[in-house]
N, C-alpha and C. Protein backbone atom coordinates (compact mmCIF):
# COMPACT_ATOMS: atom_id res chain seq x y z
N MET A 1 0.83 -1.20 0.00
CA MET A 1 0.00 0.00 0.00
C MET A 1 0.87 1.25 0.00
N THR A 2 2.07 1.18 0.58
CA THR A 2 2.93 2.36 0.59
C THR A 2 3.41 2.70 -0.82
N ASP A 3 3.54 1.67 -1.69
CA ASP A 3 3.94 1.93 -3.07
C ASP A 3 2.88 2.78 -3.78
N ILE A 4 1.63 2.44 -3.59
CA ILE A 4 0.54 3.22 -4.20
C ILE A 4 0.50 4.62 -3.61
N LYS A 5 0.71 4.70 -2.31
CA LYS A 5 0.69 6.01 -1.65
C LYS A 5 1.80 6.90 -2.19
N ASP A 6 3.00 6.35 -2.36
CA ASP A 6 4.13 7.13 -2.90
C ASP A 6 3.86 7.53 -4.35
N ARG A 7 3.35 6.60 -5.15
CA ARG A 7 3.04 6.90 -6.55
C ARG A 7 1.98 7.99 -6.65
N LEU A 8 0.96 7.89 -5.81
CA LEU A 8 -0.11 8.89 -5.83
C LEU A 8 0.43 10.27 -5.47
N ARG A 9 1.24 10.33 -4.43
CA ARG A 9 1.81 11.61 -4.00
C ARG A 9 2.68 12.21 -5.12
N ASP A 10 3.55 11.40 -5.72
CA ASP A 10 4.44 11.89 -6.77
C ASP A 10 3.68 12.37 -8.01
N THR A 11 2.70 11.59 -8.43
CA THR A 11 1.97 11.96 -9.63
C THR A 11 1.11 13.20 -9.42
N VAL A 12 0.56 13.36 -8.23
CA VAL A 12 -0.24 14.57 -7.95
C VAL A 12 0.66 15.79 -7.93
N GLU A 13 1.85 15.67 -7.33
CA GLU A 13 2.78 16.80 -7.31
C GLU A 13 3.20 17.18 -8.73
N LYS A 14 3.50 16.17 -9.56
CA LYS A 14 3.90 16.44 -10.94
C LYS A 14 2.75 17.09 -11.70
N CYS A 15 1.54 16.61 -11.47
CA CYS A 15 0.37 17.16 -12.16
C CYS A 15 0.15 18.62 -11.75
N LEU A 16 0.31 18.92 -10.48
CA LEU A 16 0.16 20.31 -10.03
C LEU A 16 1.19 21.22 -10.68
N LYS A 17 2.44 20.74 -10.79
CA LYS A 17 3.49 21.56 -11.42
C LYS A 17 3.18 21.79 -12.90
N THR A 18 2.78 20.73 -13.60
CA THR A 18 2.47 20.89 -15.02
C THR A 18 1.22 21.73 -15.23
N TYR A 19 0.29 21.68 -14.28
CA TYR A 19 -0.89 22.53 -14.37
C TYR A 19 -0.51 24.01 -14.25
N GLU A 20 0.39 24.31 -13.32
CA GLU A 20 0.82 25.70 -13.14
C GLU A 20 1.52 26.22 -14.39
N VAL A 21 2.34 25.36 -15.03
CA VAL A 21 3.01 25.76 -16.27
C VAL A 21 1.97 26.01 -17.36
N TRP A 22 1.03 25.09 -17.48
CA TRP A 22 0.00 25.23 -18.52
C TRP A 22 -0.88 26.44 -18.27
N ASP A 23 -1.19 26.71 -17.00
CA ASP A 23 -2.05 27.84 -16.65
C ASP A 23 -1.41 29.17 -17.07
N GLY A 24 -0.10 29.23 -17.02
CA GLY A 24 0.60 30.45 -17.44
C GLY A 24 0.72 30.56 -18.95
N GLN A 25 0.69 29.41 -19.65
CA GLN A 25 0.87 29.41 -21.10
C GLN A 25 -0.19 28.53 -21.74
N LYS A 26 -1.43 28.93 -21.72
CA LYS A 26 -2.53 28.08 -22.20
C LYS A 26 -2.48 27.80 -23.68
N ASN A 27 -1.77 28.59 -24.44
CA ASN A 27 -1.68 28.36 -25.88
C ASN A 27 -0.50 27.49 -26.27
N ASP A 28 0.35 27.12 -25.31
CA ASP A 28 1.53 26.30 -25.59
C ASP A 28 1.13 24.83 -25.72
N ALA A 29 1.38 24.25 -26.88
CA ALA A 29 0.99 22.86 -27.14
C ALA A 29 1.78 21.88 -26.29
N ASP A 30 3.06 22.17 -26.04
CA ASP A 30 3.88 21.27 -25.21
C ASP A 30 3.39 21.25 -23.76
N ALA A 31 3.03 22.41 -23.24
CA ALA A 31 2.53 22.49 -21.86
C ALA A 31 1.21 21.72 -21.74
N ARG A 32 0.38 21.85 -22.76
CA ARG A 32 -0.90 21.12 -22.77
C ARG A 32 -0.67 19.62 -22.82
N GLN A 33 0.25 19.18 -23.66
CA GLN A 33 0.56 17.75 -23.78
C GLN A 33 1.12 17.19 -22.47
N ASN A 34 2.01 17.95 -21.84
CA ASN A 34 2.58 17.50 -20.56
C ASN A 34 1.50 17.38 -19.48
N LEU A 35 0.56 18.31 -19.47
CA LEU A 35 -0.53 18.25 -18.50
C LEU A 35 -1.41 17.03 -18.76
N GLN A 36 -1.71 16.75 -20.01
CA GLN A 36 -2.53 15.58 -20.33
C GLN A 36 -1.84 14.28 -19.92
N GLU A 37 -0.53 14.21 -20.11
CA GLU A 37 0.22 13.03 -19.69
C GLU A 37 0.21 12.88 -18.17
N ALA A 38 0.34 13.99 -17.45
CA ALA A 38 0.30 13.94 -16.00
C ALA A 38 -1.07 13.48 -15.50
N ILE A 39 -2.11 13.96 -16.14
CA ILE A 39 -3.47 13.54 -15.77
C ILE A 39 -3.65 12.06 -16.05
N HIS A 40 -3.11 11.58 -17.16
CA HIS A 40 -3.19 10.15 -17.49
C HIS A 40 -2.48 9.31 -16.43
N GLU A 41 -1.34 9.77 -15.96
CA GLU A 41 -0.62 9.05 -14.91
C GLU A 41 -1.44 8.99 -13.62
N ILE A 42 -2.12 10.07 -13.30
CA ILE A 42 -3.00 10.06 -12.11
C ILE A 42 -4.10 9.02 -12.28
N ARG A 43 -4.68 8.95 -13.48
CA ARG A 43 -5.73 7.96 -13.73
C ARG A 43 -5.21 6.54 -13.54
N LYS A 44 -3.99 6.29 -13.97
CA LYS A 44 -3.42 4.95 -13.82
C LYS A 44 -3.23 4.60 -12.35
N VAL A 45 -2.75 5.57 -11.56
CA VAL A 45 -2.55 5.31 -10.13
C VAL A 45 -3.90 5.09 -9.44
N VAL A 46 -4.90 5.89 -9.81
CA VAL A 46 -6.23 5.74 -9.21
C VAL A 46 -6.84 4.39 -9.60
N SER A 47 -6.63 3.95 -10.83
CA SER A 47 -7.12 2.63 -11.24
C SER A 47 -6.48 1.53 -10.42
N ARG A 48 -5.18 1.65 -10.18
CA ARG A 48 -4.49 0.66 -9.35
C ARG A 48 -5.06 0.65 -7.94
N LEU A 49 -5.36 1.83 -7.42
CA LEU A 49 -5.95 1.94 -6.09
C LEU A 49 -7.32 1.27 -6.05
N GLU A 50 -8.12 1.46 -7.08
CA GLU A 50 -9.44 0.81 -7.15
C GLU A 50 -9.30 -0.71 -7.20
N ILE A 51 -8.29 -1.20 -7.90
CA ILE A 51 -8.06 -2.64 -7.94
C ILE A 51 -7.70 -3.16 -6.55
N GLU A 52 -6.87 -2.44 -5.84
CA GLU A 52 -6.50 -2.84 -4.47
C GLU A 52 -7.73 -2.88 -3.56
N ILE A 53 -8.60 -1.89 -3.71
CA ILE A 53 -9.83 -1.86 -2.90
C ILE A 53 -10.69 -3.08 -3.22
N ALA A 54 -10.87 -3.38 -4.50
CA ALA A 54 -11.69 -4.52 -4.91
C ALA A 54 -11.10 -5.83 -4.42
N MET A 55 -9.77 -5.94 -4.47
CA MET A 55 -9.13 -7.18 -4.00
C MET A 55 -9.31 -7.34 -2.50
N SER A 56 -9.25 -6.26 -1.74
CA SER A 56 -9.43 -6.37 -0.30
C SER A 56 -10.88 -6.75 0.05
N GLU A 57 -11.85 -6.22 -0.72
CA GLU A 57 -13.24 -6.60 -0.50
C GLU A 57 -13.48 -8.05 -0.87
N ARG A 58 -12.83 -8.52 -1.95
CA ARG A 58 -12.98 -9.91 -2.37
C ARG A 58 -12.43 -10.85 -1.31
N ASP A 59 -11.27 -10.49 -0.74
CA ASP A 59 -10.68 -11.33 0.30
C ASP A 59 -11.58 -11.36 1.54
N LYS A 60 -12.20 -10.25 1.83
CA LYS A 60 -13.08 -10.17 3.00
C LYS A 60 -14.34 -11.01 2.81
N ASN A 61 -14.88 -11.02 1.59
CA ASN A 61 -16.14 -11.70 1.32
C ASN A 61 -15.96 -13.10 0.74
N SER A 62 -14.74 -13.58 0.61
CA SER A 62 -14.53 -14.87 -0.04
C SER A 62 -15.05 -16.05 0.78
N GLY A 63 -15.28 -15.87 2.06
CA GLY A 63 -15.80 -16.96 2.89
C GLY A 63 -17.28 -17.23 2.68
N LYS A 64 -17.98 -16.32 2.05
CA LYS A 64 -19.42 -16.48 1.83
C LYS A 64 -19.67 -17.04 0.43
N PRO A 65 -20.25 -18.22 0.32
CA PRO A 65 -20.56 -18.74 -1.02
C PRO A 65 -21.76 -18.00 -1.62
N LEU A 66 -21.77 -17.89 -2.94
CA LEU A 66 -22.90 -17.25 -3.61
C LEU A 66 -24.09 -18.20 -3.66
N PRO A 67 -25.27 -17.76 -3.23
CA PRO A 67 -26.43 -18.64 -3.28
C PRO A 67 -26.94 -18.81 -4.71
N ILE A 68 -27.53 -19.96 -5.00
CA ILE A 68 -28.13 -20.19 -6.30
C ILE A 68 -29.49 -19.51 -6.31
N PRO A 69 -29.78 -18.69 -7.32
CA PRO A 69 -31.08 -18.02 -7.36
C PRO A 69 -32.22 -19.02 -7.41
N PRO A 70 -33.31 -18.79 -6.69
CA PRO A 70 -34.39 -19.78 -6.63
C PRO A 70 -35.08 -20.01 -7.98
N HIS A 71 -35.15 -19.01 -8.85
CA HIS A 71 -35.84 -19.21 -10.12
C HIS A 71 -35.07 -20.17 -11.02
N ARG A 72 -33.78 -20.31 -10.85
CA ARG A 72 -32.99 -21.23 -11.65
C ARG A 72 -33.07 -22.65 -11.08
N SER A 73 -32.95 -22.77 -9.79
CA SER A 73 -32.90 -24.10 -9.20
C SER A 73 -34.26 -24.79 -9.21
N SER A 74 -35.36 -24.03 -9.13
CA SER A 74 -36.67 -24.66 -9.09
C SER A 74 -37.20 -25.00 -10.48
N SER A 75 -36.69 -24.35 -11.52
CA SER A 75 -37.22 -24.60 -12.86
C SER A 75 -36.54 -25.78 -13.54
N LYS A 76 -35.49 -26.29 -12.98
CA LYS A 76 -34.77 -27.40 -13.59
C LYS A 76 -35.44 -28.72 -13.26
N VAL A 77 -35.94 -29.37 -14.28
CA VAL A 77 -36.50 -30.71 -14.18
C VAL A 77 -35.57 -31.62 -14.96
N LYS A 78 -35.30 -32.78 -14.45
CA LYS A 78 -34.34 -33.66 -15.11
C LYS A 78 -34.80 -33.96 -16.54
N GLY A 79 -33.94 -33.63 -17.50
CA GLY A 79 -34.22 -33.89 -18.90
C GLY A 79 -35.01 -32.80 -19.59
N ALA A 80 -35.46 -31.79 -18.87
CA ALA A 80 -36.25 -30.71 -19.48
C ALA A 80 -35.33 -29.69 -20.11
N VAL A 81 -35.82 -29.05 -21.16
CA VAL A 81 -35.08 -28.00 -21.83
C VAL A 81 -35.75 -26.68 -21.50
N GLU A 82 -34.96 -25.75 -21.00
CA GLU A 82 -35.51 -24.44 -20.65
C GLU A 82 -35.48 -23.54 -21.87
N SER A 83 -36.55 -22.82 -22.14
CA SER A 83 -36.62 -21.94 -23.29
C SER A 83 -37.04 -20.55 -22.84
N ILE A 84 -36.48 -19.55 -23.53
CA ILE A 84 -36.88 -18.18 -23.24
C ILE A 84 -37.93 -17.69 -24.23
N LEU A 85 -38.31 -18.53 -25.19
CA LEU A 85 -39.31 -18.15 -26.17
C LEU A 85 -40.71 -18.24 -25.57
N PRO A 86 -41.65 -17.40 -26.03
CA PRO A 86 -42.99 -17.41 -25.46
C PRO A 86 -43.75 -18.72 -25.72
N ASP A 87 -43.41 -19.43 -26.79
CA ASP A 87 -44.10 -20.69 -27.08
C ASP A 87 -43.26 -21.90 -26.68
N GLU A 88 -42.29 -21.66 -25.78
CA GLU A 88 -41.40 -22.70 -25.28
C GLU A 88 -40.57 -23.36 -26.37
N GLY A 89 -40.31 -22.65 -27.46
CA GLY A 89 -39.44 -23.14 -28.51
C GLY A 89 -40.07 -24.14 -29.44
N ASN A 90 -41.39 -24.13 -29.60
CA ASN A 90 -42.06 -25.10 -30.45
C ASN A 90 -42.00 -24.77 -31.93
N THR A 91 -41.72 -23.53 -32.30
CA THR A 91 -41.63 -23.19 -33.71
C THR A 91 -40.20 -23.38 -34.18
N ILE A 92 -40.03 -23.61 -35.47
CA ILE A 92 -38.69 -23.79 -36.02
C ILE A 92 -38.44 -22.69 -37.04
N GLY A 93 -37.89 -21.60 -36.59
CA GLY A 93 -37.43 -20.56 -37.49
C GLY A 93 -38.47 -19.63 -38.06
N ASN A 94 -39.76 -19.88 -37.95
CA ASN A 94 -40.75 -18.99 -38.54
C ASN A 94 -41.91 -18.86 -37.57
N SER A 95 -42.50 -17.69 -37.54
CA SER A 95 -43.57 -17.46 -36.57
C SER A 95 -44.94 -17.88 -37.08
N ASN A 96 -45.05 -18.48 -38.29
CA ASN A 96 -46.36 -18.88 -38.79
C ASN A 96 -46.79 -20.24 -38.27
N GLY A 97 -45.93 -20.93 -37.54
CA GLY A 97 -46.30 -22.21 -36.95
C GLY A 97 -46.15 -23.39 -37.89
N ASN A 98 -45.71 -23.17 -39.13
CA ASN A 98 -45.55 -24.25 -40.09
C ASN A 98 -44.14 -24.79 -40.13
N GLY A 99 -43.33 -24.44 -39.17
CA GLY A 99 -41.97 -24.93 -39.15
C GLY A 99 -41.12 -24.36 -40.26
N GLY A 100 -41.39 -23.15 -40.68
CA GLY A 100 -40.59 -22.50 -41.69
C GLY A 100 -41.12 -22.68 -43.11
N LYS A 101 -42.22 -23.42 -43.31
CA LYS A 101 -42.79 -23.62 -44.65
C LYS A 101 -43.73 -22.48 -44.98
N LYS A 102 -43.80 -22.13 -46.27
CA LYS A 102 -44.71 -21.09 -46.70
C LYS A 102 -46.13 -21.65 -46.75
N ASP A 103 -47.10 -20.80 -46.41
CA ASP A 103 -48.49 -21.28 -46.46
C ASP A 103 -49.08 -21.12 -47.85
N GLY A 104 -48.65 -20.17 -48.67
CA GLY A 104 -49.01 -20.08 -50.07
C GLY A 104 -50.44 -19.74 -50.40
N GLY A 105 -51.37 -19.66 -49.50
CA GLY A 105 -52.76 -19.43 -49.84
C GLY A 105 -53.21 -17.99 -49.75
N SER A 106 -52.44 -17.13 -49.15
CA SER A 106 -52.94 -15.79 -48.90
C SER A 106 -52.55 -14.78 -49.98
N ARG A 107 -51.71 -15.16 -50.95
CA ARG A 107 -51.28 -14.22 -51.97
C ARG A 107 -51.76 -14.66 -53.34
N ARG A 108 -52.01 -13.69 -54.19
CA ARG A 108 -52.41 -14.04 -55.55
C ARG A 108 -51.17 -14.44 -56.33
N PRO A 109 -51.31 -15.26 -57.33
CA PRO A 109 -50.15 -15.69 -58.11
C PRO A 109 -49.56 -14.52 -58.89
N ARG A 110 -48.26 -14.60 -59.14
CA ARG A 110 -47.59 -13.54 -59.89
C ARG A 110 -47.99 -13.60 -61.35
N ALA A 111 -48.24 -12.45 -61.91
CA ALA A 111 -48.58 -12.36 -63.34
C ALA A 111 -47.41 -11.74 -64.07
N ARG A 112 -47.25 -12.14 -65.31
CA ARG A 112 -46.19 -11.56 -66.13
C ARG A 112 -46.56 -10.16 -66.55
N ARG A 113 -45.55 -9.34 -66.62
CA ARG A 113 -45.74 -7.99 -67.13
C ARG A 113 -45.84 -8.03 -68.63
N GLN A 114 -46.78 -7.30 -69.15
CA GLN A 114 -46.91 -7.24 -70.60
C GLN A 114 -45.87 -6.28 -71.14
N SER A 115 -45.28 -6.65 -72.26
CA SER A 115 -44.25 -5.78 -72.83
C SER A 115 -44.93 -4.57 -73.45
N GLN A 116 -44.26 -3.45 -73.38
CA GLN A 116 -44.84 -2.21 -73.88
C GLN A 116 -44.45 -1.92 -75.31
N GLY A 117 -43.69 -2.76 -75.91
CA GLY A 117 -43.28 -2.53 -77.29
C GLY A 117 -42.12 -1.57 -77.35
N LYS A 118 -41.94 -0.96 -78.49
CA LYS A 118 -40.83 -0.02 -78.63
C LYS A 118 -41.22 1.32 -78.04
N GLN A 119 -40.25 1.95 -77.38
CA GLN A 119 -40.44 3.29 -76.83
C GLN A 119 -40.22 4.30 -77.95
N GLY A 120 -40.99 5.33 -77.99
CA GLY A 120 -40.79 6.44 -78.93
C GLY A 120 -41.50 6.25 -80.27
N ASP A 121 -42.42 5.30 -80.43
CA ASP A 121 -43.15 5.11 -81.70
C ASP A 121 -44.25 6.11 -81.81
C-alpha cells in the first residue's frame, strides 16, 4: 500500500506543477501535452488503487458462497429444456407455426408484365 501512496503523491505533485506551467501558457501545445500526460498518470494510479480496494473486499467476502437463485434451481426438471421463447421453442425458425414452410394461400399468383413494345413510336 505504501507503493501506491508514494506513486499517488508523486503523480499529484507532478500534475500540479504541469498545471501551473499550462495555466501560465494556455496556448503552448507542449505544456498542454505535458498536463494531459500527468493527468493520465494520475488515472493509472487511481485505477491501481481501485483494484487494491476490490481485492481487499474480495478477500473479506470470499468466505461467503454465492447462493443459487431460486428461479434457476426450481425450474430445472431432469431432462427438461428451458426456453426463453414465449411458445417454449415449439416453432422452427418462422412465426407462422408451419416450421418455416410457406403457407401459399394468402397471396395471388404472380402475373407476367406485358411488354410495352418499342419506346418512342
